[in-house]
Amino acid sequence: MSLNCGTERFHMINVYEQVNQNKFKSGLIISLFIVFISLAVYFISRSFGYGNEYIYFALIISFFMSGASYFWGDKIVVGLNNAKPVNRQEFFDFYTVTENLSIANGIPVPKIYVIDSPAMNAFATGRDPDHALICTTTGLLQKLNRTELEAVVAHELSHIKNYDIRLMMLVSVLVGSLTILINSITRMSFFGGRSRNKENNNPIIAIIGLILIIFSPIIAKLIQLAISRRREFLADASGVKLTRQPQGLISALEKISTDHNKLETASTATASLYISNPFKGNKVASLFSTHPPIENRIAALKEML
């Protein structure tokens, strides 16, 4: 089965192959980001006349951020969104839909959370299917019927089963860590001037450092965009494969796209986790959206009818 979207083609592949690919990509991206961050900090620190101590600092921070995102990323995301755990009595449809689809999808039932917000959105996060959670806004639960809710939950469960949750959580945290490191180095240049080694000053290295200060966050963001957008198309297709109802997800996405409420707890660091871009109406943020346009996703889903 293939999905056409503009000039791109997104192919449904074996689920087990996708899981293995995402496991491999998680490790590969961590490794590449650590190398990229180390090189960026090396040239930036050298351009300001600093020694190797800042490279060691970058490595320590990179390893710490990678470990923190792996073991505590889900708790960080829940805390940032002020999400609360739910029970069966209060959110019966959400709870039972998640239970039923998890069993059908062959994965453990994830922890279930809700954000008190009129905005329509949802996300899944965690490091693997055994340590995952799924979260929706109260606005989404109020405005979707059960069929549409099943479609959204199936989309998020597909992220969990395909290990997209691990991949995108690591990418989000590492992009943020790169920004922190660059800001730290540039600030140290103003407060640690006496410790500079002027012999390290080299015009070529200075130019490279300046270029990296400007373009490193952009390069990291582009990597995040490329990975996240493909994962959304795959999760749409995998979710439909689970529910067998393309129209349910089409209808849900249409309602989400026409909802103008903003998710106030959303941040750029976690935007890639949501089913829809949480920064609606912000043209600048939309330019760097981690999500493909909803109309493109709908067009791809209609080919499955």
Foldseek 3Di string as FASTA:
>chain_A
DWFDFPPDIFDADDLVVLLVVLVVLLVVVLVVLLVLLLVLQVLLLLQLQHDCVLSVVSNVLSVVLLVCLQQPVVVVLCVLLVKDFDDCVVQVLLQVLQVVLCVLVVADRATEIEHAFLAWKKFKAHQASVGIYIYTYVNNSVPADSLLSSLQSLLRVSCRSSRVRNRLSSLLSSLVSSLVSLVVSVVCSVVVVVNGHCVSNDVVSSVVNVVCSPCVSVVSLVVLLVVLASSLLNSSVSSCVSVVDLVSNLVSLVVNVPDPTASVSDDPSCQSRMNDRRPPPDPVVVVSHSYDDSVSSSSRSVVVD
